């Protein structure tokens, strides 16, 4: 199954923060936008895995 989620990224003094609007708990940060995107993909997968187990 494939789902579409909305990723939001914001520049902050420390780098970038990112979160997914539809998935509480899926948030991250990174020094670069690319790092924040990669980290967010991992965070989304972890949240989905945990939710599936529960």
PDB file of N, CA and C in Angstrom:
ATOM      1  N   UNK A   1       0.839  -1.174   0.000  1.00  0.00           N
ATOM      2  CA  UNK A   1       0.000   0.000   0.000  1.00  0.00           C
ATOM      3  C   UNK A   1       0.883   1.235   0.000  1.00  0.00           C
ATOM      4  N   UNK A   2       0.488   2.209  -0.775  1.00  0.00           N
ATOM      5  CA  UNK A   2       1.235   3.454  -0.850  1.00  0.00           C
ATOM      6  C   UNK A   2       0.354   4.593  -0.347  1.00  0.00           C
ATOM      7  N   UNK A   3       0.929   5.455   0.489  1.00  0.00           N
ATOM      8  CA  UNK A   3       0.189   6.604   0.998  1.00  0.00           C
ATOM      9  C   UNK A   3       0.980   7.873   0.706  1.00  0.00           C
ATOM     10  N   UNK A   4       0.271   8.983   0.611  1.00  0.00           N
ATOM     11  CA  UNK A   4       0.918  10.279   0.423  1.00  0.00           C
ATOM     12  C   UNK A   4       0.813  11.055   1.719  1.00  0.00           C
ATOM     13  N   UNK A   5       1.931  11.594   2.158  1.00  0.00           N
ATOM     14  CA  UNK A   5       1.994  12.389   3.375  1.00  0.00           C
ATOM     15  C   UNK A   5       2.577  13.755   3.033  1.00  0.00           C
ATOM     16  N   UNK A   6       2.262  14.733   3.852  1.00  0.00           N
ATOM     17  CA  UNK A   6       2.753  16.088   3.634  1.00  0.00           C
ATOM     18  C   UNK A   6       3.932  16.371   4.561  1.00  0.00           C
ATOM     19  N   UNK A   7       5.108  16.500   3.978  1.00  0.00           N
ATOM     20  CA  UNK A   7       6.309  16.839   4.746  1.00  0.00           C
ATOM     21  C   UNK A   7       6.493  18.352   4.726  1.00  0.00           C
ATOM     22  N   UNK A   8       6.732  18.917   5.897  1.00  0.00           N
ATOM     23  CA  UNK A   8       6.939  20.359   6.031  1.00  0.00           C
ATOM     24  C   UNK A   8       8.337  20.583   6.602  1.00  0.00           C
ATOM     25  N   UNK A   9       9.099  21.450   5.947  1.00  0.00           N
ATOM     26  CA  UNK A   9      10.449  21.770   6.403  1.00  0.00           C
ATOM     27  C   UNK A   9      10.544  23.267   6.647  1.00  0.00           C
ATOM     28  N   UNK A  10      11.296  23.614   7.684  1.00  0.00           N
ATOM     29  CA  UNK A  10      11.459  25.033   8.027  1.00  0.00           C
ATOM     30  C   UNK A  10      12.916  25.281   8.372  1.00  0.00           C
ATOM     31  N   UNK A  11      13.456  26.369   7.836  1.00  0.00           N
ATOM     32  CA  UNK A  11      14.826  26.777   8.152  1.00  0.00           C
ATOM     33  C   UNK A  11      14.826  27.439   9.521  1.00  0.00           C
ATOM     34  N   UNK A  12      15.734  26.996  10.375  1.00  0.00           N
ATOM     35  CA  UNK A  12      15.917  27.576  11.700  1.00  0.00           C
ATOM     36  C   UNK A  12      17.406  27.883  11.866  1.00  0.00           C
ATOM     37  N   UNK A  13      17.777  28.669  12.864  1.00  0.00           N
ATOM     38  CA  UNK A  13      19.202  29.012  13.027  1.00  0.00           C
ATOM     39  C   UNK A  13      20.122  27.787  13.124  1.00  0.00           C
ATOM     40  N   UNK A  14      19.618  26.684  13.659  1.00  0.00           N
ATOM     41  CA  UNK A  14      20.441  25.482  13.838  1.00  0.00           C
ATOM     42  C   UNK A  14      20.504  24.610  12.588  1.00  0.00           C
ATOM     43  N   UNK A  15      19.712  24.917  11.561  1.00  0.00           N
ATOM     44  CA  UNK A  15      19.666  24.110  10.345  1.00  0.00           C
ATOM     45  C   UNK A  15      18.242  24.041   9.827  1.00  0.00           C
ATOM     46  N   UNK A  16      17.666  22.829   9.821  1.00  0.00           N
ATOM     47  CA  UNK A  16      16.297  22.630   9.343  1.00  0.00           C
ATOM     48  C   UNK A  16      15.539  21.706  10.288  1.00  0.00           C
ATOM     49  N   UNK A  17      14.256  21.976  10.431  1.00  0.00           N
ATOM     50  CA  UNK A  17      13.376  21.053  11.130  1.00  0.00           C
ATOM     51  C   UNK A  17      12.352  20.562  10.117  1.00  0.00           C
ATOM     52  N   UNK A  18      11.822  19.377  10.367  1.00  0.00           N
ATOM     53  CA  UNK A  18      10.823  18.831   9.468  1.00  0.00           C
ATOM     54  C   UNK A  18       9.833  17.988  10.241  1.00  0.00           C
ATOM     55  N   UNK A  19       8.609  17.932   9.730  1.00  0.00           N
ATOM     56  CA  UNK A  19       7.581  17.100  10.342  1.00  0.00           C
ATOM     57  C   UNK A  19       6.575  16.702   9.283  1.00  0.00           C
ATOM     58  N   UNK A  20       5.758  15.715   9.606  1.00  0.00           N
ATOM     59  CA  UNK A  20       4.689  15.270   8.726  1.00  0.00           C
ATOM     60  C   UNK A  20       3.368  15.655   9.365  1.00  0.00           C
ATOM     61  N   UNK A  21       2.578  16.437   8.647  1.00  0.00           N
ATOM     62  CA  UNK A  21       1.317  16.952   9.197  1.00  0.00           C
ATOM     63  C   UNK A  21       0.368  15.840   9.633  1.00  0.00           C
ATOM     64  N   UNK A  22       0.278  14.770   8.854  1.00  0.00           N
ATOM     65  CA  UNK A  22      -0.705  13.726   9.109  1.00  0.00           C
ATOM     66  C   UNK A  22      -0.234  12.645  10.078  1.00  0.00           C
ATOM     67  N   UNK A  23       0.992  12.740  10.555  1.00  0.00           N
ATOM     68  CA  UNK A  23       1.558  11.659  11.358  1.00  0.00           C
ATOM     69  C   UNK A  23       2.227  12.213  12.621  1.00  0.00           C
ATOM     70  N   UNK A  24       1.460  12.381  13.702  1.00  0.00           N
ATOM     71  CA  UNK A  24       2.043  12.897  14.947  1.00  0.00           C
ATOM     72  C   UNK A  24       3.231  12.044  15.394  1.00  0.00           C
ATOM     73  N   UNK A  25       4.278  12.700  15.806  1.00  0.00           N
ATOM     74  CA  UNK A  25       5.471  12.007  16.265  1.00  0.00           C
ATOM     75  C   UNK A  25       6.538  11.874  15.200  1.00  0.00           C
ATOM     76  N   UNK A  26       6.177  12.136  13.959  1.00  0.00           N
ATOM     77  CA  UNK A  26       7.162  12.060  12.875  1.00  0.00           C
ATOM     78  C   UNK A  26       7.746  13.453  12.669  1.00  0.00           C
ATOM     79  N   UNK A  27       8.830  13.717  13.364  1.00  0.00           N
ATOM     80  CA  UNK A  27       9.501  15.002  13.233  1.00  0.00           C
ATOM     81  C   UNK A  27      11.001  14.793  13.396  1.00  0.00           C
ATOM     82  N   UNK A  28      11.767  15.756  12.908  1.00  0.00           N
ATOM     83  CA  UNK A  28      13.213  15.599  12.922  1.00  0.00           C
ATOM     84  C   UNK A  28      13.893  16.943  12.730  1.00  0.00           C
ATOM     85  N   UNK A  29      15.204  16.883  12.684  1.00  0.00           N
ATOM     86  CA  UNK A  29      16.011  18.064  12.379  1.00  0.00           C
ATOM     87  C   UNK A  29      17.260  17.617  11.647  1.00  0.00           C
ATOM     88  N   UNK A  30      17.944  18.571  11.028  1.00  0.00           N
ATOM     89  CA  UNK A  30      19.190  18.268  10.338  1.00  0.00           C
ATOM     90  C   UNK A  30      19.955  19.538  10.065  1.00  0.00           C
ATOM     91  N   UNK A  31      21.256  19.396   9.856  1.00  0.00           N
ATOM     92  CA  UNK A  31      22.092  20.557   9.551  1.00  0.00           C
ATOM     93  C   UNK A  31      21.780  21.117   8.167  1.00  0.00           C
ATOM     94  N   UNK A  32      21.400  20.222   7.233  1.00  0.00           N
ATOM     95  CA  UNK A  32      21.052  20.628   5.877  1.00  0.00           C
ATOM     96  C   UNK A  32      19.643  20.134   5.557  1.00  0.00           C
ATOM     97  N   UNK A  33      19.062  20.681   4.507  1.00  0.00           N
ATOM     98  CA  UNK A  33      17.738  20.240   4.087  1.00  0.00           C
ATOM     99  C   UNK A  33      17.773  18.764   3.678  1.00  0.00           C
ATOM    100  N   UNK A  34      18.812  18.364   2.993  1.00  0.00           N
ATOM    101  CA  UNK A  34      18.941  16.967   2.573  1.00  0.00           C
ATOM    102  C   UNK A  34      19.008  16.027   3.774  1.00  0.00           C
ATOM    103  N   UNK A  35      19.752  16.422   4.797  1.00  0.00           N
ATOM    104  CA  UNK A  35      19.858  15.609   6.007  1.00  0.00           C
ATOM    105  C   UNK A  35      18.503  15.538   6.719  1.00  0.00           C
ATOM    106  N   UNK A  36      17.799  16.659   6.796  1.00  0.00           N
ATOM    107  CA  UNK A  36      16.483  16.671   7.434  1.00  0.00           C
ATOM    108  C   UNK A  36      15.504  15.786   6.673  1.00  0.00           C
ATOM    109  N   UNK A  37      15.547  15.811   5.343  1.00  0.00           N
ATOM    110  CA  UNK A  37      14.678  14.949   4.531  1.00  0.00           C
ATOM    111  C   UNK A  37      14.967  13.482   4.790  1.00  0.00           C
ATOM    112  N   UNK A  38      16.227  13.134   4.802  1.00  0.00           N
ATOM    113  CA  UNK A  38      16.619  11.743   5.055  1.00  0.00           C
ATOM    114  C   UNK A  38      16.195  11.301   6.446  1.00  0.00           C
ATOM    115  N   UNK A  39      16.439  12.148   7.426  1.00  0.00           N
ATOM    116  CA  UNK A  39      16.047  11.845   8.808  1.00  0.00           C
ATOM    117  C   UNK A  39      14.533  11.695   8.935  1.00  0.00           C
ATOM    118  N   UNK A  40      13.783  12.527   8.213  1.00  0.00           N
ATOM    119  CA  UNK A  40      12.326  12.457   8.298  1.00  0.00           C
ATOM    120  C   UNK A  40      11.802  11.161   7.677  1.00  0.00           C
ATOM    121  N   UNK A  41      12.398  10.721   6.593  1.00  0.00           N
ATOM    122  CA  UNK A  41      11.999   9.445   5.999  1.00  0.00           C
ATOM    123  C   UNK A  41      12.170   8.316   7.012  1.00  0.00           C
ATOM    124  N   UNK A  42      13.283   8.330   7.719  1.00  0.00           N
ATOM    125  CA  UNK A  42      13.537   7.311   8.736  1.00  0.00           C
ATOM    126  C   UNK A  42      12.533   7.436   9.889  1.00  0.00           C
ATOM    127  N   UNK A  43      12.252   8.663  10.322  1.00  0.00           N
ATOM    128  CA  UNK A  43      11.306   8.875  11.422  1.00  0.00           C
ATOM    129  C   UNK A  43       9.908   8.391  11.045  1.00  0.00           C
ATOM    130  N   UNK A  44       9.486   8.658   9.819  1.00  0.00           N
ATOM    131  CA  UNK A  44       8.175   8.204   9.358  1.00  0.00           C
ATOM    132  C   UNK A  44       8.107   6.685   9.396  1.00  0.00           C
ATOM    133  N   UNK A  45       9.137   6.031   8.893  1.00  0.00           N
ATOM    134  CA  UNK A  45       9.150   4.576   8.886  1.00  0.00           C
ATOM    135  C   UNK A  45       9.093   4.012  10.300  1.00  0.00           C
ATOM    136  N   UNK A  46       9.832   4.611  11.213  1.00  0.00           N
ATOM    137  CA  UNK A  46       9.816   4.153  12.602  1.00  0.00           C
ATOM    138  C   UNK A  46       8.436   4.332  13.237  1.00  0.00           C
ATOM    139  N   UNK A  47       7.810   5.477  13.023  1.00  0.00           N
ATOM    140  CA  UNK A  47       6.475   5.714  13.589  1.00  0.00           C
ATOM    141  C   UNK A  47       5.469   4.725  13.014  1.00  0.00           C
ATOM    142  N   UNK A  48       5.518   4.504  11.708  1.00  0.00           N
ATOM    143  CA  UNK A  48       4.593   3.551  11.094  1.00  0.00           C
ATOM    144  C   UNK A  48       4.815   2.140  11.605  1.00  0.00           C
ATOM    145  N   UNK A  49       6.065   1.740  11.776  1.00  0.00           N
ATOM    146  CA  UNK A  49       6.380   0.409  12.306  1.00  0.00           C
ATOM    147  C   UNK A  49       5.834   0.228  13.714  1.00  0.00           C
ATOM    148  N   UNK A  50       6.048   1.220  14.574  1.00  0.00           N
ATOM    149  CA  UNK A  50       5.574   1.146  15.957  1.00  0.00           C
ATOM    150  C   UNK A  50       4.054   1.121  15.989  1.00  0.00           C
ATOM    151  N   UNK A  51       3.421   1.964  15.197  1.00  0.00           N
ATOM    152  CA  UNK A  51       1.957   1.989  15.154  1.00  0.00           C
ATOM    153  C   UNK A  51       1.408   0.645  14.680  1.00  0.00           C
ATOM    154  N   UNK A  52       2.084   0.024  13.740  1.00  0.00           N
ATOM    155  CA  UNK A  52       1.643  -1.279  13.234  1.00  0.00           C
ATOM    156  C   UNK A  52       1.732  -2.340  14.333  1.00  0.00           C
ATOM    157  N   UNK A  53       2.804  -2.296  15.121  1.00  0.00           N
ATOM    158  CA  UNK A  53       2.991  -3.254  16.203  1.00  0.00           C
ATOM    159  C   UNK A  53       1.945  -3.069  17.310  1.00  0.00           C
ATOM    160  N   UNK A  54       1.562  -1.823  17.559  1.00  0.00           N
ATOM    161  CA  UNK A  54       0.574  -1.561  18.613  1.00  0.00           C
ATOM    162  C   UNK A  54      -0.809  -1.961  18.161  1.00  0.00           C
TER     163      UNK A  54
END
